[in-house]
Amino acid sequence: MSFTDKFDKEDYYLSPEGYLIFTEAYHLKRGYCCHNNCRHCPYKNQNKTNIKSNKTDK
């Protein structure tokens, strides 16, 4: 069993260098941001807003 067998084909693709890249569909299924600066993260703008608001609250 390969590592990619755990995921649906719509959840990832392989880069030319062989890296596993998760799609936006995968991130939406997972439901939260992992804060690893993922290429297709649908939560990027939300996180920038949260970070800015946290800095001003302190």
N, C-alpha and C. Protein backbone atom coordinates (compact mmCIF):
# COMPACT_ATOMS: atom_id res chain seq x y z
N MET A 1 0.84 -1.18 0.00
CA MET A 1 0.00 0.00 0.00
C MET A 1 0.89 1.25 0.00
N SER A 2 0.60 2.15 -0.90
CA SER A 2 1.38 3.37 -1.02
C SER A 2 0.75 4.49 -0.18
N PHE A 3 1.54 5.49 0.14
CA PHE A 3 1.05 6.63 0.92
C PHE A 3 -0.12 7.31 0.23
N THR A 4 -0.07 7.43 -1.09
CA THR A 4 -1.13 8.12 -1.84
C THR A 4 -2.42 7.32 -1.92
N ASP A 5 -2.39 6.05 -1.58
CA ASP A 5 -3.61 5.23 -1.59
C ASP A 5 -4.62 5.71 -0.55
N LYS A 6 -4.18 6.49 0.43
CA LYS A 6 -5.06 6.99 1.47
C LYS A 6 -5.97 8.12 0.97
N PHE A 7 -5.63 8.72 -0.18
CA PHE A 7 -6.31 9.91 -0.66
C PHE A 7 -7.04 9.63 -1.97
N ASP A 8 -8.12 10.39 -2.20
CA ASP A 8 -8.79 10.36 -3.49
C ASP A 8 -7.91 11.06 -4.51
N LYS A 9 -8.04 10.70 -5.77
CA LYS A 9 -7.22 11.31 -6.83
C LYS A 9 -7.46 12.82 -6.94
N GLU A 10 -8.64 13.30 -6.57
CA GLU A 10 -8.91 14.74 -6.63
C GLU A 10 -8.24 15.50 -5.50
N ASP A 11 -7.68 14.80 -4.51
CA ASP A 11 -7.10 15.43 -3.34
C ASP A 11 -5.64 15.87 -3.52
N TYR A 12 -4.98 15.40 -4.55
CA TYR A 12 -3.55 15.70 -4.70
C TYR A 12 -3.10 15.52 -6.14
N TYR A 13 -1.92 16.02 -6.42
CA TYR A 13 -1.22 15.71 -7.67
C TYR A 13 0.27 15.71 -7.35
N LEU A 14 1.07 15.16 -8.22
CA LEU A 14 2.51 15.12 -8.03
C LEU A 14 3.15 16.21 -8.86
N SER A 15 4.06 16.96 -8.26
CA SER A 15 4.79 18.00 -8.97
C SER A 15 5.82 17.32 -9.88
N PRO A 16 6.38 18.06 -10.84
CA PRO A 16 7.43 17.48 -11.69
C PRO A 16 8.62 16.95 -10.89
N GLU A 17 8.84 17.53 -9.71
CA GLU A 17 9.94 17.08 -8.85
C GLU A 17 9.58 15.87 -8.02
N GLY A 18 8.30 15.46 -8.05
CA GLY A 18 7.85 14.28 -7.32
C GLY A 18 7.21 14.57 -5.97
N TYR A 19 6.99 15.85 -5.67
CA TYR A 19 6.35 16.21 -4.40
C TYR A 19 4.84 16.00 -4.49
N LEU A 20 4.24 15.62 -3.38
CA LEU A 20 2.79 15.48 -3.29
C LEU A 20 2.21 16.86 -2.96
N ILE A 21 1.33 17.36 -3.82
CA ILE A 21 0.72 18.67 -3.65
C ILE A 21 -0.76 18.47 -3.39
N PHE A 22 -1.24 18.90 -2.24
CA PHE A 22 -2.66 18.78 -1.93
C PHE A 22 -3.45 19.88 -2.63
N THR A 23 -4.62 19.52 -3.13
CA THR A 23 -5.49 20.46 -3.83
C THR A 23 -6.38 21.21 -2.85
N GLU A 24 -7.05 22.22 -3.35
CA GLU A 24 -8.00 22.97 -2.54
C GLU A 24 -9.11 22.04 -2.05
N ALA A 25 -9.52 21.10 -2.90
CA ALA A 25 -10.57 20.14 -2.52
C ALA A 25 -10.17 19.36 -1.25
N TYR A 26 -8.91 18.94 -1.19
CA TYR A 26 -8.43 18.22 -0.01
C TYR A 26 -8.50 19.10 1.24
N HIS A 27 -8.02 20.34 1.12
CA HIS A 27 -8.02 21.24 2.27
C HIS A 27 -9.43 21.52 2.76
N LEU A 28 -10.37 21.67 1.84
CA LEU A 28 -11.75 21.91 2.23
C LEU A 28 -12.35 20.70 2.94
N LYS A 29 -11.99 19.50 2.49
CA LYS A 29 -12.45 18.27 3.17
C LYS A 29 -11.89 18.21 4.59
N ARG A 30 -10.61 18.60 4.73
CA ARG A 30 -9.97 18.55 6.05
C ARG A 30 -10.60 19.58 6.99
N GLY A 31 -10.91 20.76 6.46
CA GLY A 31 -11.69 21.72 7.23
C GLY A 31 -10.92 22.74 8.05
N TYR A 32 -9.61 22.75 7.98
CA TYR A 32 -8.84 23.75 8.73
C TYR A 32 -7.47 23.94 8.09
N CYS A 33 -6.81 25.00 8.47
CA CYS A 33 -5.47 25.30 7.94
C CYS A 33 -4.40 24.69 8.85
N CYS A 34 -3.38 24.12 8.23
CA CYS A 34 -2.28 23.53 9.00
C CYS A 34 -1.12 24.51 9.21
N HIS A 35 -1.22 25.71 8.63
CA HIS A 35 -0.21 26.77 8.77
C HIS A 35 1.15 26.38 8.19
N ASN A 36 1.14 25.55 7.14
CA ASN A 36 2.38 25.17 6.46
C ASN A 36 2.55 25.87 5.12
N ASN A 37 1.76 26.93 4.89
CA ASN A 37 1.86 27.71 3.67
C ASN A 37 1.63 26.86 2.42
N CYS A 38 0.59 26.05 2.45
CA CYS A 38 0.28 25.17 1.32
C CYS A 38 -0.10 25.97 0.07
N ARG A 39 0.30 25.48 -1.06
CA ARG A 39 0.09 26.14 -2.34
C ARG A 39 -1.38 26.42 -2.63
N HIS A 40 -2.28 25.50 -2.31
CA HIS A 40 -3.69 25.63 -2.65
C HIS A 40 -4.60 25.83 -1.43
N CYS A 41 -4.06 26.40 -0.37
CA CYS A 41 -4.83 26.59 0.86
C CYS A 41 -5.96 27.59 0.65
N PRO A 42 -7.21 27.18 0.86
CA PRO A 42 -8.33 28.11 0.73
C PRO A 42 -8.48 29.02 1.95
N TYR A 43 -7.68 28.80 2.98
CA TYR A 43 -7.79 29.56 4.22
C TYR A 43 -6.73 30.65 4.34
N LYS A 44 -5.90 30.85 3.32
CA LYS A 44 -4.78 31.81 3.40
C LYS A 44 -5.24 33.21 3.80
N ASN A 45 -6.22 33.76 3.11
CA ASN A 45 -6.68 35.11 3.43
C ASN A 45 -7.29 35.19 4.81
N GLN A 46 -8.01 34.16 5.19
CA GLN A 46 -8.61 34.11 6.52
C GLN A 46 -7.52 34.15 7.59
N ASN A 47 -6.44 33.41 7.39
CA ASN A 47 -5.37 33.36 8.38
C ASN A 47 -4.63 34.68 8.49
N LYS A 48 -4.41 35.37 7.37
CA LYS A 48 -3.75 36.67 7.42
C LYS A 48 -4.57 37.66 8.22
N THR A 49 -5.87 37.61 8.05
CA THR A 49 -6.76 38.49 8.81
C THR A 49 -6.68 38.17 10.29
N ASN A 50 -6.69 36.88 10.64
CA ASN A 50 -6.62 36.48 12.05
C ASN A 50 -5.29 36.88 12.67
N ILE A 51 -4.21 36.76 11.93
CA ILE A 51 -2.90 37.10 12.45
C ILE A 51 -2.83 38.60 12.71
N LYS A 52 -3.32 39.41 11.76
CA LYS A 52 -3.30 40.85 11.93
C LYS A 52 -4.14 41.28 13.12
N SER A 53 -5.33 40.69 13.25
CA SER A 53 -6.20 41.09 14.35
C SER A 53 -5.62 40.67 15.69
N ASN A 54 -4.92 39.54 15.74
CA ASN A 54 -4.30 39.11 16.99
C ASN A 54 -3.18 40.05 17.41
N LYS A 55 -2.44 40.58 16.45
CA LYS A 55 -1.33 41.49 16.78
C LYS A 55 -1.87 42.80 17.35
N THR A 56 -2.98 43.29 16.83
CA THR A 56 -3.51 44.55 17.31
C THR A 56 -4.23 44.40 18.64
N ASP A 57 -4.66 43.18 18.97
CA ASP A 57 -5.38 42.96 20.22
C ASP A 57 -4.43 42.99 21.43
N LYS A 58 -3.16 42.74 21.20
CA LYS A 58 -2.21 42.62 22.32
C LYS A 58 -1.75 43.93 22.85
